[in-house]
């Protein structure tokens, strides 16, 4: 019975390790491909405009004869870095506000009001307003996504911290005269590190999708950059003409990357 329970408990960790290994390999290949691609994503071949997928052009070419596989890889790499930075900044904001809420009742009420206010505003509208106000570009997208995606994680971290405040070891530390900062830094925050890791991984797919949506609508990255949103926006002009590969392959690449990280976060949450 004990061996059966042990093997059952080990299954989530094995799945998380497998998902982590596969994701690390994909990310490593994606990042390494940028060194190998060079300027392949921007090279034009006017004699091969809108060529379908073939042995010479693996995923076809766009309206300027640029290789779609190179542009898709470059777009996925750009989306990865934007999503990664946005998710990390959003997690840092959520952790800071959750920690701030534990210092006093007034700060807790203020943080709760801020969370409820941002959750009541539609994400996409707020994203467009912030990105437009900041002038667009990669930095504007990162800031817009980071500022709008922290409330859900902050609510979870705040609830966890409020529950941990009643733990016996926290009460003992307070009884010994330790300050609130010592309790927060020495006892509470280390307990939240697994939650922050899983929360960042859960925010990552949302950050990528919203970055692609902003760029697709024209509020995100510059049209000169080979972003996934730019590729999908350009594909809309030619899909009715039968050039299906312009939208299918960038969309599939984005879908695979998003599902891969979502699967990894699910297994990691179960393992932790």
Protein backbone atom coordinates (compact mmCIF):
# COMPACT_ATOMS: atom_id res chain seq x y z
CA UNK A 1 0.00 0.00 0.00
CA UNK A 2 2.82 2.39 0.90
CA UNK A 3 4.62 1.67 -2.37
CA UNK A 4 1.43 2.27 -4.33
CA UNK A 5 0.86 5.61 -2.62
CA UNK A 6 4.48 6.61 -3.18
CA UNK A 7 4.31 5.83 -6.89
CA UNK A 8 1.01 7.68 -7.16
CA UNK A 9 2.51 10.73 -5.48
CA UNK A 10 5.54 10.58 -7.76
CA UNK A 11 3.49 10.61 -10.97
CA UNK A 12 2.73 14.37 -10.92
CA UNK A 13 6.41 15.11 -10.34
CA UNK A 14 7.48 12.85 -13.20
CA UNK A 15 4.96 14.50 -15.51
CA UNK A 16 6.14 17.94 -14.42
CA UNK A 17 9.76 16.93 -15.01
CA UNK A 18 8.90 15.58 -18.47
CA UNK A 19 6.93 18.70 -19.40
CA UNK A 20 9.74 20.88 -18.09
CA UNK A 21 12.31 18.97 -20.15
CA UNK A 22 10.27 19.23 -23.33
CA UNK A 23 9.58 22.93 -22.77
CA UNK A 24 13.25 23.66 -22.05
CA UNK A 25 14.24 21.88 -25.28
CA UNK A 26 11.68 23.86 -27.28
CA UNK A 27 12.72 27.17 -25.74
CA UNK A 28 16.41 26.37 -26.23
CA UNK A 29 15.78 25.51 -29.87
CA UNK A 30 13.72 28.66 -30.32
CA UNK A 31 16.39 30.91 -28.82
CA UNK A 32 19.23 29.13 -30.61
CA UNK A 33 17.43 29.44 -33.93
CA UNK A 34 17.77 33.23 -33.73
CA UNK A 35 21.55 32.90 -33.89
CA UNK A 36 21.28 30.60 -36.89
CA UNK A 37 18.63 32.57 -38.75
CA UNK A 38 20.50 35.83 -38.97
CA UNK A 39 18.53 38.12 -41.30
CA UNK A 40 16.70 35.27 -43.05
CA UNK A 41 13.37 36.57 -41.76
CA UNK A 42 13.86 39.84 -43.68
CA UNK A 43 15.35 38.53 -46.93
CA UNK A 44 13.05 39.17 -49.88
CA UNK A 45 12.73 36.94 -52.94
CA UNK A 46 10.47 38.69 -55.42
CA UNK A 47 10.61 35.75 -57.82
CA UNK A 48 9.06 33.51 -55.13
CA UNK A 49 6.22 35.72 -53.90
CA UNK A 50 3.34 33.86 -52.19
CA UNK A 51 4.90 30.48 -52.96
CA UNK A 52 3.06 27.53 -51.35
CA UNK A 53 4.83 25.11 -48.97
CA UNK A 54 7.33 22.94 -50.82
CA UNK A 55 10.80 21.44 -50.48
CA UNK A 56 12.34 24.77 -51.50
CA UNK A 57 10.09 26.83 -49.23
CA UNK A 58 9.16 24.70 -46.21
CA UNK A 59 6.22 26.79 -44.98
CA UNK A 60 5.78 28.93 -48.08
CA UNK A 61 6.57 32.61 -48.55
CA UNK A 62 4.70 35.85 -47.97
CA UNK A 63 3.80 38.67 -50.35
CA UNK A 64 7.42 39.87 -50.47
CA UNK A 65 8.93 36.43 -50.92
CA UNK A 66 10.19 36.13 -47.34
CA UNK A 67 10.42 32.62 -45.89
CA UNK A 68 7.47 32.03 -43.59
CA UNK A 69 9.28 29.48 -41.42
CA UNK A 70 12.00 32.02 -40.59
CA UNK A 71 9.48 34.75 -39.86
CA UNK A 72 7.39 32.40 -37.71
CA UNK A 73 10.42 31.39 -35.62
CA UNK A 74 11.46 35.03 -35.25
CA UNK A 75 7.91 35.97 -34.23
CA UNK A 76 7.70 33.17 -31.67
CA UNK A 77 11.05 34.18 -30.17
CA UNK A 78 9.90 37.80 -29.92
CA UNK A 79 6.61 36.74 -28.33
CA UNK A 80 8.52 34.53 -25.88
CA UNK A 81 10.70 37.36 -24.59
CA UNK A 82 7.82 39.82 -24.41
CA UNK A 83 5.62 37.30 -22.58
CA UNK A 84 8.43 36.27 -20.25
CA UNK A 85 9.25 39.84 -19.17
CA UNK A 86 5.58 40.76 -18.85
CA UNK A 87 4.81 37.68 -16.73
CA UNK A 88 7.78 38.31 -14.42
CA UNK A 89 6.87 41.96 -13.93
CA UNK A 90 3.23 41.07 -13.32
CA UNK A 91 4.23 38.44 -10.74
CA UNK A 92 6.48 40.95 -8.98
CA UNK A 93 3.63 43.47 -8.82
CA UNK A 94 1.24 40.83 -7.46
CA UNK A 95 3.72 39.70 -4.80
CA UNK A 96 4.52 43.26 -3.72
CA UNK A 97 0.87 44.25 -3.34
CA UNK A 98 -0.01 40.99 -1.56
CA UNK A 99 2.81 41.59 0.90
CA UNK A 100 1.71 45.20 1.34
CA UNK A 101 -1.81 44.04 2.19
CA UNK A 102 -0.54 42.15 5.25
CA UNK A 103 0.99 45.20 6.92
CA UNK A 104 -2.25 46.89 8.01
CA UNK A 105 -6.03 46.74 7.60
CA UNK A 106 -6.13 50.00 5.62
CA UNK A 107 -3.54 48.77 3.16
CA UNK A 108 -5.41 45.48 2.85
CA UNK A 109 -8.62 47.34 2.00
CA UNK A 110 -6.78 49.53 -0.50
CA UNK A 111 -5.20 46.54 -2.25
CA UNK A 112 -8.54 44.72 -2.34
CA UNK A 113 -10.20 47.79 -3.87
CA UNK A 114 -7.45 48.05 -6.49
CA UNK A 115 -7.78 44.35 -7.38
CA UNK A 116 -11.56 44.56 -7.73
CA UNK A 117 -11.30 47.73 -9.82
CA UNK A 118 -8.88 46.23 -12.33
CA UNK A 119 -10.79 42.96 -12.52
CA UNK A 120 -13.95 44.87 -13.42
CA UNK A 121 -12.35 46.48 -16.49
CA UNK A 122 -12.13 44.37 -19.70
CA UNK A 123 -8.54 43.30 -20.29
CA UNK A 124 -8.31 44.08 -23.98
CA UNK A 125 -9.71 47.60 -23.67
CA UNK A 126 -7.34 48.45 -20.83
CA UNK A 127 -4.44 46.93 -22.77
CA UNK A 128 -5.19 49.03 -25.83
CA UNK A 129 -5.51 52.23 -23.77
CA UNK A 130 -2.20 51.71 -21.96
CA UNK A 131 -0.31 50.62 -25.09
CA UNK A 132 -1.70 53.58 -27.04
CA UNK A 133 -0.84 56.02 -24.24
CA UNK A 134 2.74 54.72 -24.13
CA UNK A 135 3.17 55.03 -27.87
CA UNK A 136 3.29 51.36 -28.83
CA UNK A 137 6.37 49.20 -29.27
CA UNK A 138 7.79 46.30 -27.29
CA UNK A 139 8.23 48.28 -24.05
CA UNK A 140 4.66 49.58 -24.17
CA UNK A 141 3.30 46.06 -24.71
CA UNK A 142 5.35 44.64 -21.83
CA UNK A 143 4.22 47.40 -19.45
CA UNK A 144 0.58 47.15 -20.57
CA UNK A 145 0.45 43.38 -20.13
CA UNK A 146 2.29 43.48 -16.80
CA UNK A 147 0.05 46.21 -15.36
CA UNK A 148 -3.19 44.44 -16.32
CA UNK A 149 -2.45 40.78 -15.51
CA UNK A 150 -1.48 40.82 -11.85
CA UNK A 151 -4.88 41.10 -10.03
CA UNK A 152 -5.85 37.40 -10.15
CA UNK A 153 -2.46 36.26 -8.86
CA UNK A 154 -2.40 39.04 -6.24
CA UNK A 155 -5.77 37.85 -4.90
CA UNK A 156 -4.44 34.29 -4.53
CA UNK A 157 -1.20 35.42 -2.86
CA UNK A 158 -3.07 37.79 -0.54
CA UNK A 159 -5.43 35.02 0.60
CA UNK A 160 -2.46 32.71 1.19
CA UNK A 161 -0.64 35.32 3.24
CA UNK A 162 -3.70 36.11 5.35
CA UNK A 163 -4.05 32.40 6.11
CA UNK A 164 -0.36 32.00 6.95
CA UNK A 165 -0.54 34.84 9.45
CA UNK A 166 -2.45 32.51 11.77
CA UNK A 167 0.09 29.69 11.49
CA UNK A 168 1.67 28.54 14.80
CA UNK A 169 5.26 29.33 13.80
CA UNK A 170 4.24 32.86 12.79
CA UNK A 171 2.50 33.40 16.14
CA UNK A 172 5.58 32.13 17.96
CA UNK A 173 7.82 34.48 15.98
CA UNK A 174 5.60 37.42 16.86
CA UNK A 175 5.49 36.37 20.50
CA UNK A 176 9.29 36.44 20.53
CA UNK A 177 9.20 40.09 19.50
CA UNK A 178 10.08 39.78 15.82
CA UNK A 179 9.03 42.66 13.58
CA UNK A 180 6.42 42.41 10.85
CA UNK A 181 9.12 42.81 8.22
CA UNK A 182 11.09 39.90 9.70
CA UNK A 183 7.99 37.70 9.74
CA UNK A 184 7.12 38.68 6.19
CA UNK A 185 10.65 38.27 4.85
CA UNK A 186 11.69 35.25 6.90
CA UNK A 187 8.51 33.16 7.09
CA UNK A 188 5.80 34.25 4.67
CA UNK A 189 7.58 35.13 1.43
CA UNK A 190 9.59 31.87 1.19
CA UNK A 191 6.31 29.97 1.44
CA UNK A 192 4.97 31.90 -1.56
CA UNK A 193 7.82 31.12 -3.96
CA UNK A 194 6.15 27.98 -5.43
CA UNK A 195 2.91 29.94 -5.86
CA UNK A 196 4.80 32.73 -7.62
CA UNK A 197 6.55 30.26 -9.93
CA UNK A 198 3.31 28.58 -10.95
CA UNK A 199 1.54 31.93 -11.19
CA UNK A 200 4.21 33.31 -13.54
CA UNK A 201 3.91 30.23 -15.76
CA UNK A 202 0.13 30.61 -15.81
CA UNK A 203 0.41 34.29 -16.70
CA UNK A 204 2.89 33.59 -19.50
CA UNK A 205 0.38 32.14 -22.04
CA UNK A 206 -2.06 34.98 -21.37
CA UNK A 207 0.73 37.52 -21.87
CA UNK A 208 1.69 35.98 -25.22
CA UNK A 209 -1.89 35.86 -26.46
CA UNK A 210 -2.61 39.44 -25.44
CA UNK A 211 0.64 40.61 -27.03
CA UNK A 212 -0.39 38.92 -30.27
CA UNK A 213 -3.89 40.41 -30.00
CA UNK A 214 -2.53 43.93 -29.43
CA UNK A 215 -0.14 43.63 -32.35
CA UNK A 216 -2.88 42.18 -34.56
CA UNK A 217 -5.09 45.19 -33.80
CA UNK A 218 -2.25 47.61 -34.50
CA UNK A 219 -1.62 48.79 -30.91
CA UNK A 220 1.43 46.64 -30.18
CA UNK A 221 4.68 45.95 -31.95
CA UNK A 222 5.79 47.73 -35.09
CA UNK A 223 4.66 46.26 -38.44
CA UNK A 224 8.34 46.05 -39.44
CA UNK A 225 8.97 43.43 -36.74
CA UNK A 226 8.24 39.77 -37.54
CA UNK A 227 5.79 39.34 -34.66
CA UNK A 228 3.04 36.73 -34.72
CA UNK A 229 0.36 39.40 -34.57
CA UNK A 230 1.92 41.17 -37.56
CA UNK A 231 2.04 37.91 -39.53
CA UNK A 232 -1.61 37.16 -38.77
CA UNK A 233 -2.69 40.70 -39.64
CA UNK A 234 -0.86 40.50 -42.98
CA UNK A 235 -2.37 37.07 -43.66
CA UNK A 236 -5.91 38.48 -43.41
CA UNK A 237 -5.36 40.32 -46.70
CA UNK A 238 -4.56 37.14 -48.62
CA UNK A 239 -6.60 34.36 -47.00
CA UNK A 240 -9.55 34.98 -49.30
CA UNK A 241 -7.23 34.39 -52.26
CA UNK A 242 -6.39 30.88 -51.13
CA UNK A 243 -3.02 31.64 -49.49
CA UNK A 244 -3.91 29.65 -46.38
CA UNK A 245 -0.34 29.01 -45.20
CA UNK A 246 0.15 32.68 -44.31
CA UNK A 247 -2.24 32.36 -41.37
CA UNK A 248 -2.18 28.65 -40.54
CA UNK A 249 1.50 28.16 -39.68
CA UNK A 250 2.03 31.28 -37.51
CA UNK A 251 -1.24 30.50 -35.71
CA UNK A 252 -0.21 26.88 -35.12
CA UNK A 253 3.19 27.96 -33.80
CA UNK A 254 1.57 30.35 -31.34
CA UNK A 255 -0.93 27.68 -30.28
CA UNK A 256 1.77 25.05 -29.66
CA UNK A 257 3.87 27.42 -27.55
CA UNK A 258 0.89 28.58 -25.48
CA UNK A 259 -0.41 25.06 -24.87
CA UNK A 260 3.08 23.82 -24.00
CA UNK A 261 3.56 26.38 -21.24
CA UNK A 262 0.01 25.94 -20.00
CA UNK A 263 0.57 22.18 -19.74
CA UNK A 264 3.85 22.75 -17.92
CA UNK A 265 2.22 25.09 -15.41
CA UNK A 266 -0.57 22.56 -14.75
CA UNK A 267 1.86 19.72 -14.03
CA UNK A 268 4.09 21.98 -11.96
CA UNK A 269 1.16 23.16 -9.85
CA UNK A 270 0.22 19.54 -9.09
CA UNK A 271 3.82 18.65 -8.26
CA UNK A 272 4.32 21.59 -5.90
